[in-house]
Structures are given as structure tokens and as C-alpha cells.
Amino acid sequence: ILDLGEYLARKPKALSGGQRQRVAMGRAIVREPQ
């Protein structure tokens, strides 16, 4: 969904600010909260 497939094995320091924010979004999405 977030177009992060190719970055899953990387550490946060190897990502841009926008990519890190998408990871933070992904962490919220996987929890499938209300």
C-alpha cells in the first residue's frame, strides 16, 4: 500500500524523511485499529 516493498530489509537511517514517515504509517496500518 505504501510502496515500501523494496525497503523492508533496510534500517531507518538508510531512508529519506518521507520514507521514514511512510514506515511510521505502516506500523499503524498493520495493527488494523479502529
PDB file of all heavy atoms in Angstrom:
ATOM      1  N   ILE A   1       0.836  -1.209   0.000  1.00  0.00           N
ATOM      2  CA  ILE A   1       0.000   0.000   0.000  1.00  0.00           C
ATOM      3  C   ILE A   1       0.867   1.253   0.000  1.00  0.00           C
ATOM      4  O   ILE A   1       0.586   2.234  -0.690  1.00  0.00           O
ATOM      5  CB  ILE A   1      -0.937   0.001   1.238  1.00  0.00           C
ATOM      6  CG1 ILE A   1      -2.022  -1.069   1.102  1.00  0.00           C
ATOM      7  CG2 ILE A   1      -1.601   1.367   1.416  1.00  0.00           C
ATOM      8  CD1 ILE A   1      -2.826  -1.300   2.376  1.00  0.00           C
ATOM      9  N   LEU A   2       1.952   1.219   0.773  1.00  0.00           N
ATOM     10  CA  LEU A   2       2.797   2.400   0.972  1.00  0.00           C
ATOM     11  C   LEU A   2       4.014   2.451   0.058  1.00  0.00           C
ATOM     12  O   LEU A   2       4.861   3.334   0.196  1.00  0.00           O
ATOM     13  CB  LEU A   2       3.266   2.447   2.434  1.00  0.00           C
ATOM     14  CG  LEU A   2       2.154   2.677   3.462  1.00  0.00           C
ATOM     15  CD1 LEU A   2       2.626   2.294   4.849  1.00  0.00           C
ATOM     16  CD2 LEU A   2       1.699   4.121   3.443  1.00  0.00           C
ATOM     17  N   ASP A   3       4.098   1.472  -0.856  1.00  0.00           N
ATOM     18  CA  ASP A   3       5.216   1.421  -1.800  1.00  0.00           C
ATOM     19  C   ASP A   3       6.564   1.331  -1.056  1.00  0.00           C
ATOM     20  O   ASP A   3       7.515   2.047  -1.364  1.00  0.00           O
ATOM     21  CB  ASP A   3       5.187   2.661  -2.712  1.00  0.00           C
ATOM     22  CG  ASP A   3       5.991   2.452  -3.997  1.00  0.00           C
ATOM     23  OD1 ASP A   3       6.246   1.274  -4.327  1.00  0.00           O
ATOM     24  OD2 ASP A   3       6.369   3.449  -4.629  1.00  0.00           O
ATOM     25  N   LEU A   4       6.596   0.421  -0.067  1.00  0.00           N
ATOM     26  CA  LEU A   4       7.809   0.243   0.739  1.00  0.00           C
ATOM     27  C   LEU A   4       8.435  -1.139   0.567  1.00  0.00           C
ATOM     28  O   LEU A   4       9.370  -1.480   1.286  1.00  0.00           O
ATOM     29  CB  LEU A   4       7.486   0.458   2.235  1.00  0.00           C
ATOM     30  CG  LEU A   4       7.207   1.895   2.691  1.00  0.00           C
ATOM     31  CD1 LEU A   4       6.674   1.910   4.121  1.00  0.00           C
ATOM     32  CD2 LEU A   4       8.460   2.755   2.593  1.00  0.00           C
ATOM     33  N   GLY A   5       7.908  -1.930  -0.370  1.00  0.00           N
ATOM     34  CA  GLY A   5       8.351  -3.315  -0.528  1.00  0.00           C
ATOM     35  C   GLY A   5       9.859  -3.480  -0.635  1.00  0.00           C
ATOM     36  O   GLY A   5      10.444  -4.354   0.013  1.00  0.00           O
ATOM     37  N   GLU A   6      10.515  -2.631  -1.404  1.00  0.00           N
ATOM     38  CA  GLU A   6      11.958  -2.793  -1.629  1.00  0.00           C
ATOM     39  C   GLU A   6      12.803  -2.304  -0.451  1.00  0.00           C
ATOM     40  O   GLU A   6      14.026  -2.475  -0.429  1.00  0.00           O
ATOM     41  CB  GLU A   6      12.385  -2.050  -2.903  1.00  0.00           C
ATOM     42  CG  GLU A   6      12.178  -0.541  -2.849  1.00  0.00           C
ATOM     43  CD  GLU A   6      12.488   0.134  -4.175  1.00  0.00           C
ATOM     44  OE1 GLU A   6      13.682   0.252  -4.498  1.00  0.00           O
ATOM     45  OE2 GLU A   6      11.524   0.534  -4.868  1.00  0.00           O
ATOM     46  N   TYR A   7      12.164  -1.694   0.565  1.00  0.00           N
ATOM     47  CA  TYR A   7      12.921  -1.137   1.695  1.00  0.00           C
ATOM     48  C   TYR A   7      12.788  -1.969   2.973  1.00  0.00           C
ATOM     49  O   TYR A   7      13.358  -1.596   4.004  1.00  0.00           O
ATOM     50  CB  TYR A   7      12.456   0.296   1.995  1.00  0.00           C
ATOM     51  CG  TYR A   7      12.528   1.217   0.801  1.00  0.00           C
ATOM     52  CD1 TYR A   7      11.373   1.677   0.178  1.00  0.00           C
ATOM     53  CD2 TYR A   7      13.761   1.624   0.291  1.00  0.00           C
ATOM     54  CE1 TYR A   7      11.435   2.510  -0.928  1.00  0.00           C
ATOM     55  CE2 TYR A   7      13.829   2.461  -0.814  1.00  0.00           C
ATOM     56  CZ  TYR A   7      12.667   2.902  -1.426  1.00  0.00           C
ATOM     57  OH  TYR A   7      12.735   3.731  -2.510  1.00  0.00           O
ATOM     58  N   LEU A   8      12.053  -3.071   2.929  1.00  0.00           N
ATOM     59  CA  LEU A   8      11.741  -3.810   4.156  1.00  0.00           C
ATOM     60  C   LEU A   8      12.982  -4.302   4.900  1.00  0.00           C
ATOM     61  O   LEU A   8      12.963  -4.433   6.126  1.00  0.00           O
ATOM     62  CB  LEU A   8      10.814  -4.996   3.844  1.00  0.00           C
ATOM     63  CG  LEU A   8       9.355  -4.624   3.515  1.00  0.00           C
ATOM     64  CD1 LEU A   8       8.557  -5.850   3.086  1.00  0.00           C
ATOM     65  CD2 LEU A   8       8.690  -3.952   4.708  1.00  0.00           C
ATOM     66  N   ALA A   9      14.058  -4.579   4.176  1.00  0.00           N
ATOM     67  CA  ALA A   9      15.266  -5.107   4.829  1.00  0.00           C
ATOM     68  C   ALA A   9      16.236  -3.998   5.253  1.00  0.00           C
ATOM     69  O   ALA A   9      17.271  -4.270   5.865  1.00  0.00           O
ATOM     70  CB  ALA A   9      15.975  -6.086   3.893  1.00  0.00           C
ATOM     71  N   ARG A  10      15.899  -2.737   4.941  1.00  0.00           N
ATOM     72  CA  ARG A  10      16.805  -1.636   5.284  1.00  0.00           C
ATOM     73  C   ARG A  10      16.545  -1.125   6.701  1.00  0.00           C
ATOM     74  O   ARG A  10      15.461  -1.285   7.249  1.00  0.00           O
ATOM     75  CB  ARG A  10      16.632  -0.477   4.298  1.00  0.00           C
ATOM     76  CG  ARG A  10      17.054  -0.830   2.892  1.00  0.00           C
ATOM     77  CD  ARG A  10      17.100   0.418   2.033  1.00  0.00           C
ATOM     78  NE  ARG A  10      17.221   0.077   0.614  1.00  0.00           N
ATOM     79  CZ  ARG A  10      17.277   0.975  -0.358  1.00  0.00           C
ATOM     80  NH1 ARG A  10      17.229   2.255  -0.080  1.00  0.00           N
ATOM     81  NH2 ARG A  10      17.386   0.589  -1.618  1.00  0.00           N
ATOM     82  N   LYS A  11      17.556  -0.431   7.246  1.00  0.00           N
ATOM     83  CA  LYS A  11      17.412   0.231   8.544  1.00  0.00           C
ATOM     84  C   LYS A  11      16.912   1.665   8.305  1.00  0.00           C
ATOM     85  O   LYS A  11      17.158   2.245   7.241  1.00  0.00           O
ATOM     86  CB  LYS A  11      18.764   0.272   9.271  1.00  0.00           C
ATOM     87  CG  LYS A  11      19.369  -1.103   9.582  1.00  0.00           C
ATOM     88  CD  LYS A  11      18.763  -1.676  10.844  1.00  0.00           C
ATOM     89  CE  LYS A  11      19.289  -3.068  11.151  1.00  0.00           C
ATOM     90  NZ  LYS A  11      20.711  -3.095  11.528  1.00  0.00           N
ATOM     91  N   PRO A  12      16.236   2.265   9.280  1.00  0.00           N
ATOM     92  CA  PRO A  12      15.694   3.623   9.105  1.00  0.00           C
ATOM     93  C   PRO A  12      16.716   4.659   8.647  1.00  0.00           C
ATOM     94  O   PRO A  12      16.385   5.569   7.885  1.00  0.00           O
ATOM     95  CB  PRO A  12      15.160   3.958  10.502  1.00  0.00           C
ATOM     96  CG  PRO A  12      14.808   2.640  11.085  1.00  0.00           C
ATOM     97  CD  PRO A  12      15.834   1.678  10.568  1.00  0.00           C
ATOM     98  N   LYS A  13      17.990   4.540   9.089  1.00  0.00           N
ATOM     99  CA  LYS A  13      18.990   5.561   8.733  1.00  0.00           C
ATOM    100  C   LYS A  13      19.269   5.592   7.232  1.00  0.00           C
ATOM    101  O   LYS A  13      19.776   6.597   6.718  1.00  0.00           O
ATOM    102  CB  LYS A  13      20.290   5.322   9.503  1.00  0.00           C
ATOM    103  CG  LYS A  13      21.046   4.061   9.117  1.00  0.00           C
ATOM    104  CD  LYS A  13      22.339   3.921   9.908  1.00  0.00           C
ATOM    105  CE  LYS A  13      23.083   2.653   9.476  1.00  0.00           C
ATOM    106  NZ  LYS A  13      24.294   2.428  10.278  1.00  0.00           N
ATOM    107  N   ALA A  14      18.909   4.511   6.507  1.00  0.00           N
ATOM    108  CA  ALA A  14      19.134   4.460   5.058  1.00  0.00           C
ATOM    109  C   ALA A  14      17.956   5.038   4.268  1.00  0.00           C
ATOM    110  O   ALA A  14      17.945   4.993   3.037  1.00  0.00           O
ATOM    111  CB  ALA A  14      19.376   3.013   4.622  1.00  0.00           C
ATOM    112  N   LEU A  15      16.958   5.583   4.989  1.00  0.00           N
ATOM    113  CA  LEU A  15      15.751   6.100   4.328  1.00  0.00           C
ATOM    114  C   LEU A  15      15.697   7.619   4.398  1.00  0.00           C
ATOM    115  O   LEU A  15      16.273   8.234   5.296  1.00  0.00           O
ATOM    116  CB  LEU A  15      14.497   5.536   5.015  1.00  0.00           C
ATOM    117  CG  LEU A  15      14.358   4.014   5.123  1.00  0.00           C
ATOM    118  CD1 LEU A  15      13.061   3.674   5.824  1.00  0.00           C
ATOM    119  CD2 LEU A  15      14.416   3.359   3.759  1.00  0.00           C
ATOM    120  N   SER A  16      14.957   8.208   3.463  1.00  0.00           N
ATOM    121  CA  SER A  16      14.704   9.657   3.496  1.00  0.00           C
ATOM    122  C   SER A  16      13.614   9.938   4.543  1.00  0.00           C
ATOM    123  O   SER A  16      12.949   9.017   5.033  1.00  0.00           O
ATOM    124  CB  SER A  16      14.217  10.132   2.129  1.00  0.00           C
ATOM    125  OG  SER A  16      12.920   9.595   1.866  1.00  0.00           O
ATOM    126  N   GLY A  17      13.413  11.231   4.841  1.00  0.00           N
ATOM    127  CA  GLY A  17      12.380  11.610   5.801  1.00  0.00           C
ATOM    128  C   GLY A  17      10.994  11.141   5.390  1.00  0.00           C
ATOM    129  O   GLY A  17      10.214  10.644   6.203  1.00  0.00           O
ATOM    130  N   GLY A  18      10.685  11.275   4.104  1.00  0.00           N
ATOM    131  CA  GLY A  18       9.366  10.857   3.613  1.00  0.00           C
ATOM    132  C   GLY A  18       9.169   9.351   3.732  1.00  0.00           C
ATOM    133  O   GLY A  18       8.086   8.874   4.075  1.00  0.00           O
ATOM    134  N   GLN A  19      10.237   8.593   3.454  1.00  0.00           N
ATOM    135  CA  GLN A  19      10.146   7.130   3.564  1.00  0.00           C
ATOM    136  C   GLN A  19       9.985   6.714   5.022  1.00  0.00           C
ATOM    137  O   GLN A  19       9.209   5.814   5.333  1.00  0.00           O
ATOM    138  CB  GLN A  19      11.402   6.495   2.953  1.00  0.00           C
ATOM    139  CG  GLN A  19      11.449   6.598   1.437  1.00  0.00           C
ATOM    140  CD  GLN A  19      12.843   6.346   0.873  1.00  0.00           C
ATOM    141  OE1 GLN A  19      13.842   6.401   1.592  1.00  0.00           O
ATOM    142  NE2 GLN A  19      12.907   6.074  -0.424  1.00  0.00           N
ATOM    143  N   ARG A  20      10.695   7.376   5.928  1.00  0.00           N
ATOM    144  CA  ARG A  20      10.551   7.060   7.351  1.00  0.00           C
ATOM    145  C   ARG A  20       9.127   7.331   7.831  1.00  0.00           C
ATOM    146  O   ARG A  20       8.581   6.573   8.627  1.00  0.00           O
ATOM    147  CB  ARG A  20      11.538   7.905   8.184  1.00  0.00           C
ATOM    148  CG  ARG A  20      12.972   7.465   8.043  1.00  0.00           C
ATOM    149  CD  ARG A  20      13.881   8.328   8.900  1.00  0.00           C
ATOM    150  NE  ARG A  20      15.246   8.289   8.390  1.00  0.00           N
ATOM    151  CZ  ARG A  20      16.245   8.994   8.872  1.00  0.00           C
ATOM    152  NH1 ARG A  20      16.037   9.826   9.885  1.00  0.00           N
ATOM    153  NH2 ARG A  20      17.457   8.897   8.368  1.00  0.00           N
ATOM    154  N   GLN A  21       8.549   8.427   7.319  1.00  0.00           N
ATOM    155  CA  GLN A  21       7.178   8.728   7.720  1.00  0.00           C
ATOM    156  C   GLN A  21       6.219   7.659   7.204  1.00  0.00           C
ATOM    157  O   GLN A  21       5.261   7.295   7.879  1.00  0.00           O
ATOM    158  CB  GLN A  21       6.767  10.119   7.215  1.00  0.00           C
ATOM    159  CG  GLN A  21       5.470  10.639   7.809  1.00  0.00           C
ATOM    160  CD  GLN A  21       5.460  10.631   9.317  1.00  0.00           C
ATOM    161  OE1 GLN A  21       5.109   9.618   9.943  1.00  0.00           O
ATOM    162  NE2 GLN A  21       5.853  11.722   9.929  1.00  0.00           N
ATOM    163  N   ARG A  22       6.491   7.130   6.020  1.00  0.00           N
ATOM    164  CA  ARG A  22       5.646   6.045   5.484  1.00  0.00           C
ATOM    165  C   ARG A  22       5.801   4.775   6.320  1.00  0.00           C
ATOM    166  O   ARG A  22       4.840   4.026   6.488  1.00  0.00           O
ATOM    167  CB  ARG A  22       5.986   5.784   4.010  1.00  0.00           C
ATOM    168  CG  ARG A  22       5.726   6.984   3.109  1.00  0.00           C
ATOM    169  CD  ARG A  22       5.250   6.627   1.725  1.00  0.00           C
ATOM    170  NE  ARG A  22       6.090   5.718   1.003  1.00  0.00           N
ATOM    171  CZ  ARG A  22       7.115   6.059   0.233  1.00  0.00           C
ATOM    172  NH1 ARG A  22       7.457   7.335   0.129  1.00  0.00           N
ATOM    173  NH2 ARG A  22       7.805   5.154  -0.425  1.00  0.00           N
ATOM    174  N   VAL A  23       7.015   4.528   6.841  1.00  0.00           N
ATOM    175  CA  VAL A  23       7.212   3.369   7.728  1.00  0.00           C
ATOM    176  C   VAL A  23       6.380   3.547   9.002  1.00  0.00           C
ATOM    177  O   VAL A  23       5.730   2.609   9.478  1.00  0.00           O
ATOM    178  CB  VAL A  23       8.706   3.186   8.086  1.00  0.00           C
ATOM    179  CG1 VAL A  23       8.879   2.048   9.097  1.00  0.00           C
ATOM    180  CG2 VAL A  23       9.528   2.903   6.829  1.00  0.00           C
ATOM    181  N   ALA A  24       6.398   4.778   9.541  1.00  0.00           N
ATOM    182  CA  ALA A  24       5.594   5.059  10.733  1.00  0.00           C
ATOM    183  C   ALA A  24       4.110   4.840  10.438  1.00  0.00           C
ATOM    184  O   ALA A  24       3.367   4.311  11.281  1.00  0.00           O
ATOM    185  CB  ALA A  24       5.844   6.493  11.203  1.00  0.00           C
ATOM    186  N   MET A  25       3.670   5.226   9.243  1.00  0.00           N
ATOM    187  CA  MET A  25       2.286   4.969   8.824  1.00  0.00           C
ATOM    188  C   MET A  25       2.032   3.469   8.733  1.00  0.00           C
ATOM    189  O   MET A  25       0.997   2.965   9.173  1.00  0.00           O
ATOM    190  CB  MET A  25       2.033   5.599   7.443  1.00  0.00           C
ATOM    191  CG  MET A  25       1.977   7.103   7.433  1.00  0.00           C
ATOM    192  SD  MET A  25       0.468   7.745   8.142  1.00  0.00           S
ATOM    193  CE  MET A  25      -0.746   6.974   7.083  1.00  0.00           C
ATOM    194  N   GLY A  26       3.005   2.747   8.155  1.00  0.00           N
ATOM    195  CA  GLY A  26       2.869   1.290   8.002  1.00  0.00           C
ATOM    196  C   GLY A  26       2.736   0.600   9.337  1.00  0.00           C
ATOM    197  O   GLY A  26       1.944  -0.347   9.492  1.00  0.00           O
ATOM    198  N   ARG A  27       3.492   1.072  10.319  1.00  0.00           N
ATOM    199  CA  ARG A  27       3.418   0.490  11.662  1.00  0.00           C
ATOM    200  C   ARG A  27       2.011   0.650  12.249  1.00  0.00           C
ATOM    201  O   ARG A  27       1.523  -0.216  12.977  1.00  0.00           O
ATOM    202  CB  ARG A  27       4.451   1.185  12.558  1.00  0.00           C
ATOM    203  CG  ARG A  27       4.631   0.551  13.911  1.00  0.00           C
ATOM    204  CD  ARG A  27       5.726   1.241  14.674  1.00  0.00           C
ATOM    205  NE  ARG A  27       5.559   2.690  14.643  1.00  0.00           N
ATOM    206  CZ  ARG A  27       6.503   3.554  14.985  1.00  0.00           C
ATOM    207  NH1 ARG A  27       7.689   3.112  15.337  1.00  0.00           N
ATOM    208  NH2 ARG A  27       6.282   4.846  14.949  1.00  0.00           N
ATOM    209  N   ALA A  28       1.365   1.774  11.924  1.00  0.00           N
ATOM    210  CA  ALA A  28      -0.008   1.985  12.395  1.00  0.00           C
ATOM    211  C   ALA A  28      -1.000   1.111  11.621  1.00  0.00           C
ATOM    212  O   ALA A  28      -1.905   0.510  12.196  1.00  0.00           O
ATOM    213  CB  ALA A  28      -0.381   3.467  12.244  1.00  0.00           C
ATOM    214  N   ILE A  29      -0.802   1.016  10.298  1.00  0.00           N
ATOM    215  CA  ILE A  29      -1.735   0.265   9.445  1.00  0.00           C
ATOM    216  C   ILE A  29      -1.777  -1.214   9.805  1.00  0.00           C
ATOM    217  O   ILE A  29      -2.852  -1.820   9.849  1.00  0.00           O
ATOM    218  CB  ILE A  29      -1.351   0.441   7.954  1.00  0.00           C
ATOM    219  CG1 ILE A  29      -1.627   1.869   7.499  1.00  0.00           C
ATOM    220  CG2 ILE A  29      -2.097  -0.546   7.065  1.00  0.00           C
ATOM    221  CD1 ILE A  29      -1.011   2.205   6.157  1.00  0.00           C
ATOM    222  N   VAL A  30      -0.610  -1.837  10.075  1.00  0.00           N
ATOM    223  CA  VAL A  30      -0.582  -3.288  10.323  1.00  0.00           C
ATOM    224  C   VAL A  30      -1.384  -3.669  11.556  1.00  0.00           C
ATOM    225  O   VAL A  30      -1.845  -4.799  11.678  1.00  0.00           O
ATOM    226  CB  VAL A  30       0.864  -3.835  10.465  1.00  0.00           C
ATOM    227  CG1 VAL A  30       1.647  -3.645   9.183  1.00  0.00           C
ATOM    228  CG2 VAL A  30       1.591  -3.218  11.654  1.00  0.00           C
ATOM    229  N   ARG A  31      -1.576  -2.714  12.451  1.00  0.00           N
ATOM    230  CA  ARG A  31      -2.325  -3.026  13.670  1.00  0.00           C
ATOM    231  C   ARG A  31      -3.828  -3.087  13.420  1.00  0.00           C
ATOM    232  O   ARG A  31      -4.586  -3.550  14.267  1.00  0.00           O
ATOM    233  CB  ARG A  31      -2.002  -1.993  14.751  1.00  0.00           C
ATOM    234  CG  ARG A  31      -0.540  -2.113  15.206  1.00  0.00           C
ATOM    235  CD  ARG A  31      -0.164  -1.036  16.189  1.00  0.00           C
ATOM    236  NE  ARG A  31      -1.029  -1.062  17.364  1.00  0.00           N
ATOM    237  CZ  ARG A  31      -1.028  -0.115  18.297  1.00  0.00           C
ATOM    238  NH1 ARG A  31      -0.202   0.919  18.175  1.00  0.00           N
ATOM    239  NH2 ARG A  31      -1.828  -0.191  19.337  1.00  0.00           N
ATOM    240  N   GLU A  32      -4.261  -2.595  12.248  1.00  0.00           N
ATOM    241  CA  GLU A  32      -5.680  -2.596  11.867  1.00  0.00           C
ATOM    242  C   GLU A  32      -6.563  -2.082  13.006  1.00  0.00           C
ATOM    243  O   GLU A  32      -7.500  -2.755  13.455  1.00  0.00           O
ATOM    244  CB  GLU A  32      -6.108  -4.011  11.438  1.00  0.00           C
ATOM    245  CG  GLU A  32      -5.341  -4.499  10.213  1.00  0.00           C
ATOM    246  CD  GLU A  32      -5.680  -5.938   9.812  1.00  0.00           C
ATOM    247  OE1 GLU A  32      -6.460  -6.599  10.535  1.00  0.00           O
ATOM    248  OE2 GLU A  32      -5.153  -6.384   8.779  1.00  0.00           O
ATOM    249  N   PRO A  33      -6.259  -0.863  13.502  1.00  0.00           N
ATOM    250  CA  PRO A  33      -7.006  -0.316  14.649  1.00  0.00           C
ATOM    251  C   PRO A  33      -8.357   0.247  14.230  1.00  0.00           C
ATOM    252  O   PRO A  33      -8.640   0.403  13.034  1.00  0.00           O
ATOM    253  CB  PRO A  33      -6.089   0.810  15.125  1.00  0.00           C
ATOM    254  CG  PRO A  33      -5.490   1.318  13.846  1.00  0.00           C
ATOM    255  CD  PRO A  33      -5.295   0.093  12.973  1.00  0.00           C
ATOM    256  N   GLN A  34      -9.169   0.587  15.242  1.00  0.00           N
ATOM    257  CA  GLN A  34     -10.433   1.271  14.957  1.00  0.00           C
ATOM    258  C   GLN A  34     -10.189   2.730  14.600  1.00  0.00           C
ATOM    259  O   GLN A  34     -10.953   3.318  13.840  1.00  0.00           O
ATOM    260  CB  GLN A  34     -11.344   1.203  16.188  1.00  0.00           C
ATOM    261  CG  GLN A  34     -12.243  -0.024  16.232  1.00  0.00           C
ATOM    262  CD  GLN A  34     -13.315   0.159  17.282  1.00  0.00           C
ATOM    263  OE1 GLN A  34     -13.066   0.008  18.466  1.00  0.00           O
ATOM    264  NE2 GLN A  34     -14.511   0.498  16.855  1.00  0.00           N
TER     265      GLN A  34
END
